[in-house]
Amino acid sequence: MPTQYNALRNDGTLRSRSINAENPTGASGAAGAASSNLGPGRKGSAWYELPAGETVTLADISGAGVIRHIWITVTDKTDAGPFVLRDLILRAYWDNAAHPQVEVPLGDFFCNGFGARALVTSEPIVVAPTSGMNSYFPMPFRTGARIEIASEHDADIGHVFFQIDYTTGDDFEDWPGYFHAQWRRSNGTTALGEDHVIADDINGTGTYIGTYVALASLQRYWWGEGEVKFYVDDDTDLPTLCSTGLEDYAGGAWAFQDMLSADPEPEPITFSAPYFGYPFASAKDETKASEFWTPMLPMHGMYRWHLPDPIFFLERLKVTLQQIGTWDHGLFERADDISTTAYWYQTTINAPFPELPPVRERKPR
């Protein structure tokens, strides 16, 4: 991936463009033309409406270019419920592909799983107060790009604020290929000893660049002994790369705790760093799905970006996560509620993803 310094160079072919509700096409000299009570050209169109069950196109770009930055924010709850961030689906299509190359619940794409907000300060993803969700993943395309938000929420989303910053005139070969992002979930449904699949059926040449994990613990004791495994190219029974445990993979150690002690009981310490982080930990469901009952369910959100240490593959890639815990008597197999988002680049557009689970099966419960 080009360095930040290289991204600033201009050989005379690059032009900066920006799409939002004030300039829906990103056309030159066309931003901020709408009127308001302050007069012509005075902040007259700041958002899109997103009715329940509808899809809104945020950007539809023709020609070659690179999306450099996406900013978006929405409410995280309505009268119909608190799971807006899981009920909205972010989709992106490159070069008029018939199927999306990005298909992820909006919150999970920005490392905000469980339908809950969390601050994130990392290299490619930043979530700032209050729920200003930013992506800095470069997303190159040769002939066109379309980005959509589809709502499967039971109520209208009043306002979708967004901005998509991109350049035109880019040489596609200067970039690592087409950006892909895919979401998968194992909601306590795997057999003991069966790994959660983060990504599979990735065929071609590319670079795996990151993982977001939202894990709700469905069993007692420590949940994070599972290894993240990368089956590269000709790997079959055993992978070429694996971690030593889930919190190790996310850059932490010793269960993300403030102390190695059973008495007093340790507390988890959340953190957010450029390439890894554990920004969300809660034993209380802050979404308040019911006014009569607030379930106590340990939830953990973590990310790992392989930007300085990418996973290269030439022919195929599969990524899995073991579901293993530990207690005083050693390791044991578990089956937790695990949702993951995989991020990677390919020189070609990958085959269609497995069908996204329906909205009821995406709820964080």
Protein backbone atom coordinates (compact mmCIF):
# COMPACT_ATOMS: atom_id res chain seq x y z
CA MET A 1 0.00 0.00 0.00
CA PRO A 2 1.44 3.43 -0.84
CA THR A 3 2.83 5.37 2.08
CA GLN A 4 1.18 8.53 3.29
CA TYR A 5 4.02 10.49 1.71
CA ASN A 6 3.54 8.87 -1.69
CA ALA A 7 -0.21 9.47 -1.43
CA LEU A 8 0.54 13.21 -1.33
CA ARG A 9 2.47 13.26 -4.60
CA ASN A 10 0.70 14.47 -7.72
CA ASP A 11 2.11 13.84 -11.18
CA GLY A 12 -0.41 16.20 -12.71
CA THR A 13 -3.13 13.62 -13.37
CA LEU A 14 -4.80 13.47 -9.94
CA ARG A 15 -7.84 15.50 -8.99
CA SER A 16 -9.59 15.62 -5.62
CA ARG A 17 -13.34 15.12 -5.43
CA SER A 18 -15.86 14.78 -2.62
CA ILE A 19 -19.40 13.42 -2.50
CA ASN A 20 -21.99 14.26 0.15
CA ALA A 21 -25.53 15.56 0.24
CA GLU A 22 -24.19 19.01 -0.70
CA ASN A 23 -22.57 17.60 -3.86
CA PRO A 24 -24.19 14.23 -4.75
CA THR A 25 -22.14 13.69 -7.91
CA GLY A 26 -18.81 15.06 -6.73
CA ALA A 27 -18.74 17.35 -9.76
CA SER A 28 -16.17 20.11 -10.00
CA GLY A 29 -17.44 23.49 -8.83
CA ALA A 30 -20.81 22.05 -7.75
CA ALA A 31 -20.57 21.76 -3.94
CA GLY A 32 -22.78 23.62 -1.49
CA ALA A 33 -25.26 24.95 -4.03
CA ALA A 34 -28.46 24.16 -2.10
CA SER A 35 -30.35 26.90 -0.29
CA SER A 36 -31.45 27.18 3.32
CA ASN A 37 -33.14 29.85 5.40
CA LEU A 38 -29.77 31.60 5.37
CA GLY A 39 -29.91 31.96 1.61
CA PRO A 40 -28.49 30.31 -1.54
CA GLY A 41 -25.38 28.20 -1.01
CA ARG A 42 -25.75 28.31 2.79
CA LYS A 43 -25.84 24.69 4.07
CA GLY A 44 -29.04 23.65 2.42
CA SER A 45 -28.57 19.87 2.12
CA ALA A 46 -26.68 18.14 4.91
CA TRP A 47 -28.11 14.62 4.92
CA TYR A 48 -30.10 11.87 3.18
CA GLU A 49 -33.26 10.29 4.51
CA LEU A 50 -33.24 6.47 4.77
CA PRO A 51 -36.75 4.97 5.04
CA ALA A 52 -37.24 1.57 6.65
CA GLY A 53 -36.50 -1.24 4.22
CA GLU A 54 -35.00 1.04 1.60
CA THR A 55 -31.51 1.43 0.11
CA VAL A 56 -29.80 4.77 -0.44
CA THR A 57 -26.89 5.20 -2.84
CA LEU A 58 -24.23 7.36 -1.23
CA ALA A 59 -21.90 7.47 -4.24
CA ASP A 60 -22.04 6.36 -7.86
CA ILE A 61 -18.75 7.22 -9.57
CA SER A 62 -17.80 6.64 -13.20
CA GLY A 63 -14.22 6.21 -14.36
CA ALA A 64 -11.03 5.35 -12.49
CA GLY A 65 -10.19 6.56 -9.02
CA VAL A 66 -9.45 5.80 -5.39
CA ILE A 67 -11.76 6.41 -2.45
CA ARG A 68 -9.44 7.79 0.23
CA HIS A 69 -11.80 8.54 3.11
CA ILE A 70 -15.37 7.77 4.18
CA TRP A 71 -17.11 9.59 7.01
CA ILE A 72 -20.62 8.65 8.12
CA THR A 73 -22.86 8.95 11.14
CA VAL A 74 -26.39 7.80 11.98
CA THR A 75 -28.46 7.45 15.11
CA ASP A 76 -27.78 4.23 17.02
CA LYS A 77 -31.40 3.67 18.08
CA THR A 78 -34.97 4.51 17.11
CA ASP A 79 -38.41 3.84 18.57
CA ALA A 80 -38.24 0.46 16.78
CA GLY A 81 -35.18 -0.67 18.70
CA PRO A 82 -31.53 -0.14 19.51
CA PHE A 83 -29.77 -2.22 16.85
CA VAL A 84 -29.50 0.30 14.02
CA LEU A 85 -25.76 -0.30 13.59
CA ARG A 86 -26.44 -4.00 12.90
CA ASP A 87 -29.61 -3.40 10.87
CA LEU A 88 -27.91 -1.14 8.30
CA ILE A 89 -25.70 -2.84 5.70
CA LEU A 90 -22.77 -1.12 4.03
CA ARG A 91 -22.21 -2.38 0.48
CA ALA A 92 -19.61 -1.37 -2.12
CA TYR A 93 -19.32 -2.45 -5.75
CA TRP A 94 -16.23 -1.92 -7.91
CA ASP A 95 -16.20 -1.74 -11.71
CA ASN A 96 -19.92 -2.50 -12.15
CA ALA A 97 -19.63 -5.91 -10.49
CA ALA A 98 -22.93 -7.76 -10.12
CA HIS A 99 -22.26 -8.57 -6.46
CA PRO A 100 -20.78 -6.45 -3.64
CA GLN A 101 -17.14 -6.58 -2.64
CA VAL A 102 -17.98 -4.98 0.71
CA GLU A 103 -21.00 -6.33 2.60
CA VAL A 104 -20.87 -5.65 6.33
CA PRO A 105 -23.26 -4.31 8.99
CA LEU A 106 -22.44 -0.63 9.28
CA GLY A 107 -21.31 -0.69 12.90
CA ASP A 108 -19.12 -3.77 12.49
CA PHE A 109 -17.30 -2.28 9.50
CA PHE A 110 -16.25 0.58 11.78
CA CYS A 111 -15.34 -1.74 14.70
CA ASN A 112 -18.60 -0.97 16.53
CA GLY A 113 -20.20 -4.39 16.97
CA PHE A 114 -23.16 -5.45 19.13
CA GLY A 115 -25.19 -2.47 17.89
CA ALA A 116 -23.26 -0.40 20.45
CA ARG A 117 -20.95 2.57 20.08
CA ALA A 118 -17.25 2.53 20.96
CA LEU A 119 -14.49 5.06 20.37
CA VAL A 120 -11.75 3.78 18.06
CA THR A 121 -8.45 5.48 17.26
CA SER A 122 -6.53 3.40 14.75
CA GLU A 123 -4.69 3.86 11.47
CA PRO A 124 -7.51 2.93 9.04
CA ILE A 125 -10.61 3.23 11.27
CA VAL A 126 -11.44 6.11 13.59
CA VAL A 127 -14.71 6.47 15.49
CA ALA A 128 -14.82 9.86 17.19
CA PRO A 129 -17.38 11.38 19.59
CA THR A 130 -20.24 10.98 19.04
CA SER A 131 -20.20 8.10 16.54
CA GLY A 132 -18.36 9.94 13.78
CA MET A 133 -17.29 6.83 11.84
CA ASN A 134 -14.25 7.23 9.56
CA SER A 135 -12.52 4.83 7.16
CA TYR A 136 -9.13 5.54 5.61
CA PHE A 137 -8.84 2.26 3.69
CA PRO A 138 -7.86 3.16 0.12
CA MET A 139 -10.48 1.71 -2.24
CA PRO A 140 -9.26 1.80 -5.86
CA PHE A 141 -11.39 1.12 -8.92
CA ARG A 142 -10.82 1.06 -12.68
CA THR A 143 -14.15 1.93 -14.25
CA GLY A 144 -16.54 2.84 -11.45
CA ALA A 145 -17.61 2.60 -7.82
CA ARG A 146 -20.96 2.45 -6.06
CA ILE A 147 -21.47 2.65 -2.30
CA GLU A 148 -24.85 1.98 -0.70
CA ILE A 149 -26.49 1.77 2.71
CA ALA A 150 -29.37 -0.71 2.91
CA SER A 151 -31.77 -0.51 5.85
CA GLU A 152 -33.36 -3.60 7.35
CA HIS A 153 -34.39 -1.62 10.43
CA ASP A 154 -38.09 -1.47 11.35
CA ALA A 155 -38.20 2.33 11.48
CA ASP A 156 -37.02 5.18 9.28
CA ILE A 157 -33.50 6.43 9.81
CA GLY A 158 -34.11 10.13 9.91
CA HIS A 159 -30.72 11.42 8.86
CA VAL A 160 -27.69 9.79 7.24
CA PHE A 161 -24.81 12.24 7.28
CA PHE A 162 -21.83 11.22 5.14
CA GLN A 163 -18.89 12.31 3.03
CA ILE A 164 -16.83 10.26 0.56
CA ASP A 165 -13.49 11.77 -0.47
CA TYR A 166 -11.77 10.35 -3.53
CA THR A 167 -9.34 11.11 -6.32
CA THR A 168 -9.60 10.64 -10.08
CA GLY A 169 -6.79 9.98 -12.53
CA ASP A 170 -5.16 7.26 -10.42
CA ASP A 171 -3.25 4.36 -11.96
CA PHE A 172 -4.90 1.22 -10.57
CA GLU A 173 -1.62 -0.70 -10.78
CA ASP A 174 -0.10 1.60 -8.14
CA TRP A 175 -2.52 0.15 -5.56
CA PRO A 176 -2.86 -3.31 -3.96
CA GLY A 177 -6.02 -4.29 -5.84
CA TYR A 178 -9.72 -4.25 -5.08
CA PHE A 179 -10.74 -3.69 -1.47
CA HIS A 180 -12.97 -6.40 0.07
CA ALA A 181 -14.70 -6.68 3.45
CA GLN A 182 -16.92 -9.55 4.63
CA TRP A 183 -18.94 -10.25 7.80
CA ARG A 184 -19.61 -13.67 9.32
CA ARG A 185 -21.20 -14.90 12.54
CA SER A 186 -21.21 -18.06 14.64
CA ASN A 187 -23.89 -17.54 17.28
CA GLY A 188 -23.11 -20.46 19.58
CA THR A 189 -23.99 -22.74 16.69
CA THR A 190 -20.68 -24.45 16.00
CA ALA A 191 -19.90 -27.87 17.42
CA LEU A 192 -17.28 -28.08 20.14
CA GLY A 193 -13.90 -28.15 18.51
CA GLU A 194 -15.16 -26.45 15.34
CA ASP A 195 -13.44 -23.19 14.38
CA HIS A 196 -15.28 -19.99 13.57
CA VAL A 197 -14.65 -19.08 9.92
CA ILE A 198 -13.50 -15.48 9.49
CA ALA A 199 -13.04 -15.74 5.71
CA ASP A 200 -13.02 -18.55 3.17
CA ASP A 201 -13.20 -19.09 -0.58
CA ILE A 202 -10.81 -16.20 -1.22
CA ASN A 203 -9.28 -17.20 -4.55
CA GLY A 204 -6.64 -15.23 -6.39
CA THR A 205 -3.66 -13.08 -5.46
CA GLY A 206 -3.96 -10.56 -2.68
CA THR A 207 -3.16 -9.13 0.72
CA TYR A 208 -5.08 -9.72 3.95
CA ILE A 209 -4.99 -6.54 6.00
CA GLY A 210 -7.21 -6.85 9.06
CA THR A 211 -9.80 -8.44 11.32
CA TYR A 212 -12.46 -7.09 13.64
CA VAL A 213 -13.88 -9.49 16.25
CA ALA A 214 -17.04 -8.96 18.33
CA LEU A 215 -17.32 -11.82 20.82
CA ALA A 216 -20.10 -12.32 23.36
CA SER A 217 -19.14 -14.94 25.92
CA LEU A 218 -21.81 -17.65 26.20
CA GLN A 219 -19.92 -19.78 28.72
CA ARG A 220 -18.08 -19.23 31.99
CA TYR A 221 -14.37 -18.59 32.45
CA TRP A 222 -11.79 -17.12 30.10
CA TRP A 223 -12.83 -17.10 26.45
CA GLY A 224 -9.74 -15.96 24.57
CA GLU A 225 -7.35 -18.90 24.16
CA GLY A 226 -8.34 -19.56 20.53
CA GLU A 227 -5.74 -19.05 17.83
CA VAL A 228 -6.34 -17.11 14.62
CA LYS A 229 -5.15 -19.32 11.76
CA PHE A 230 -4.21 -18.35 8.19
CA TYR A 231 -4.36 -21.13 5.59
CA VAL A 232 -2.31 -19.73 2.72
CA ASP A 233 -2.27 -21.14 -0.83
CA ASP A 234 -1.62 -24.91 -0.60
CA ASP A 235 -2.20 -25.27 3.18
CA THR A 236 -4.59 -28.10 4.08
CA ASP A 237 -4.68 -29.58 7.59
CA LEU A 238 -2.36 -27.01 9.18
CA PRO A 239 -1.94 -23.30 8.46
CA THR A 240 1.20 -21.41 7.62
CA LEU A 241 0.50 -18.73 10.24
CA CYS A 242 -1.35 -18.74 13.56
CA SER A 243 -1.49 -16.61 16.68
CA THR A 244 -0.94 -17.79 20.26
CA GLY A 245 -4.36 -16.67 21.46
CA LEU A 246 -7.08 -14.16 20.65
CA GLU A 247 -6.00 -11.37 22.98
CA ASP A 248 -2.42 -11.90 21.79
CA TYR A 249 -3.57 -11.54 18.18
CA ALA A 250 -5.24 -8.23 19.14
CA GLY A 251 -1.96 -6.97 20.62
CA GLY A 252 -2.85 -7.48 24.30
CA ALA A 253 -1.83 -10.02 26.91
CA TRP A 254 -3.09 -11.74 30.04
CA ALA A 255 -6.77 -11.18 29.26
CA PHE A 256 -6.57 -7.38 28.82
CA GLN A 257 -6.72 -7.05 32.63
CA ASP A 258 -5.41 -4.46 35.05
CA MET A 259 -3.77 -7.11 37.24
CA LEU A 260 -3.04 -10.83 37.45
CA SER A 261 -5.18 -11.53 40.47
CA ALA A 262 -8.36 -13.34 41.44
CA ASP A 263 -8.86 -11.26 44.58
CA PRO A 264 -9.50 -8.43 44.13
CA GLU A 265 -11.25 -9.24 40.89
CA PRO A 266 -9.37 -7.76 37.93
CA GLU A 267 -10.93 -5.23 35.58
CA PRO A 268 -10.57 -5.24 31.78
CA ILE A 269 -8.70 -2.29 30.30
CA THR A 270 -9.90 -1.10 26.92
CA PHE A 271 -7.43 0.56 24.57
CA SER A 272 -7.13 1.73 20.98
CA ALA A 273 -3.81 1.85 19.10
CA PRO A 274 -2.81 2.38 15.46
CA TYR A 275 -2.71 -1.30 14.47
CA PHE A 276 -4.55 -3.20 17.20
CA GLY A 277 -6.98 -2.53 19.98
CA TYR A 278 -9.63 -3.67 22.43
CA PRO A 279 -11.98 -0.67 22.38
CA PHE A 280 -15.09 -2.31 23.81
CA ALA A 281 -15.68 -4.44 26.92
CA SER A 282 -18.96 -4.67 28.78
CA ALA A 283 -20.74 -7.07 31.08
CA LYS A 284 -23.95 -5.07 30.67
CA ASP A 285 -26.02 -4.79 27.52
CA GLU A 286 -26.06 -1.02 27.05
CA THR A 287 -28.50 -1.30 24.14
CA LYS A 288 -31.28 -1.88 26.74
CA ALA A 289 -33.29 -4.19 24.53
CA SER A 290 -35.94 -4.39 27.23
CA GLU A 291 -36.96 -1.85 29.85
CA PHE A 292 -37.72 -4.73 32.22
CA TRP A 293 -34.61 -6.85 31.81
CA THR A 294 -31.02 -5.92 31.06
CA PRO A 295 -29.09 -9.13 30.39
CA MET A 296 -25.61 -9.51 31.85
CA LEU A 297 -23.52 -10.86 28.98
CA PRO A 298 -19.77 -10.27 28.73
CA MET A 299 -19.06 -8.64 25.35
CA HIS A 300 -15.68 -7.89 23.84
CA GLY A 301 -14.69 -5.99 20.69
CA MET A 302 -11.15 -6.02 19.27
CA TYR A 303 -9.30 -5.34 16.02
CA ARG A 304 -5.97 -6.16 14.39
CA TRP A 305 -4.66 -4.38 11.28
CA HIS A 306 -1.99 -6.17 9.24
CA LEU A 307 -0.79 -3.00 7.55
CA PRO A 308 2.90 -3.10 8.58
CA ASP A 309 2.85 -6.95 8.48
CA PRO A 310 0.38 -7.98 5.75
CA ILE A 311 -0.61 -11.57 4.98
CA PHE A 312 0.26 -12.18 1.32
CA PHE A 313 -1.36 -14.96 -0.70
CA LEU A 314 -0.89 -15.98 -4.31
CA GLU A 315 -3.72 -18.45 -4.94
CA ARG A 316 -6.15 -18.68 -2.02
CA LEU A 317 -6.70 -17.83 1.62
CA LYS A 318 -8.81 -19.09 4.50
CA VAL A 319 -8.87 -17.50 7.97
CA THR A 320 -10.36 -19.15 11.07
CA LEU A 321 -10.59 -18.59 14.83
CA GLN A 322 -10.48 -21.42 17.34
CA GLN A 323 -13.08 -21.31 20.13
CA ILE A 324 -11.02 -22.31 23.15
CA GLY A 325 -11.19 -21.23 26.79
CA THR A 326 -9.25 -22.00 29.93
CA TRP A 327 -9.81 -22.38 33.68
CA ASP A 328 -7.93 -23.83 36.64
CA HIS A 329 -8.03 -27.30 35.10
CA GLY A 330 -6.68 -26.34 31.69
CA LEU A 331 -7.99 -25.65 28.19
CA PHE A 332 -11.50 -26.51 27.06
CA GLU A 333 -13.56 -26.22 23.88
CA ARG A 334 -16.35 -23.61 23.80
CA ALA A 335 -19.00 -22.21 21.49
CA ASP A 336 -19.48 -18.45 21.83
CA ASP A 337 -21.30 -15.77 19.84
CA ILE A 338 -18.61 -14.54 17.46
CA SER A 339 -19.04 -11.96 14.72
CA THR A 340 -16.07 -11.02 12.57
CA THR A 341 -15.24 -8.69 9.73
CA ALA A 342 -12.38 -9.61 7.39
CA TYR A 343 -10.62 -6.94 5.30
CA TRP A 344 -8.38 -7.70 2.32
CA TYR A 345 -7.27 -6.66 -1.16
CA GLN A 346 -7.29 -8.78 -4.33
CA THR A 347 -5.92 -8.14 -7.80
CA THR A 348 -9.24 -9.47 -9.12
CA ILE A 349 -12.81 -9.19 -7.86
CA ASN A 350 -13.64 -12.18 -5.68
CA ALA A 351 -16.58 -14.51 -6.23
CA PRO A 352 -19.88 -13.64 -4.47
CA PHE A 353 -19.86 -13.90 -0.70
CA PRO A 354 -22.16 -16.32 1.13
CA GLU A 355 -25.58 -14.77 1.63
CA LEU A 356 -25.65 -12.39 4.56
CA PRO A 357 -27.78 -13.72 7.46
CA PRO A 358 -31.24 -12.14 7.71
CA VAL A 359 -31.66 -9.27 10.11
CA ARG A 360 -33.05 -11.38 12.97
CA GLU A 361 -29.98 -13.60 12.84
CA ARG A 362 -27.67 -10.58 13.02
CA LYS A 363 -29.14 -9.21 16.24
CA PRO A 364 -26.53 -9.23 19.01
CA ARG A 365 -28.42 -11.62 21.23
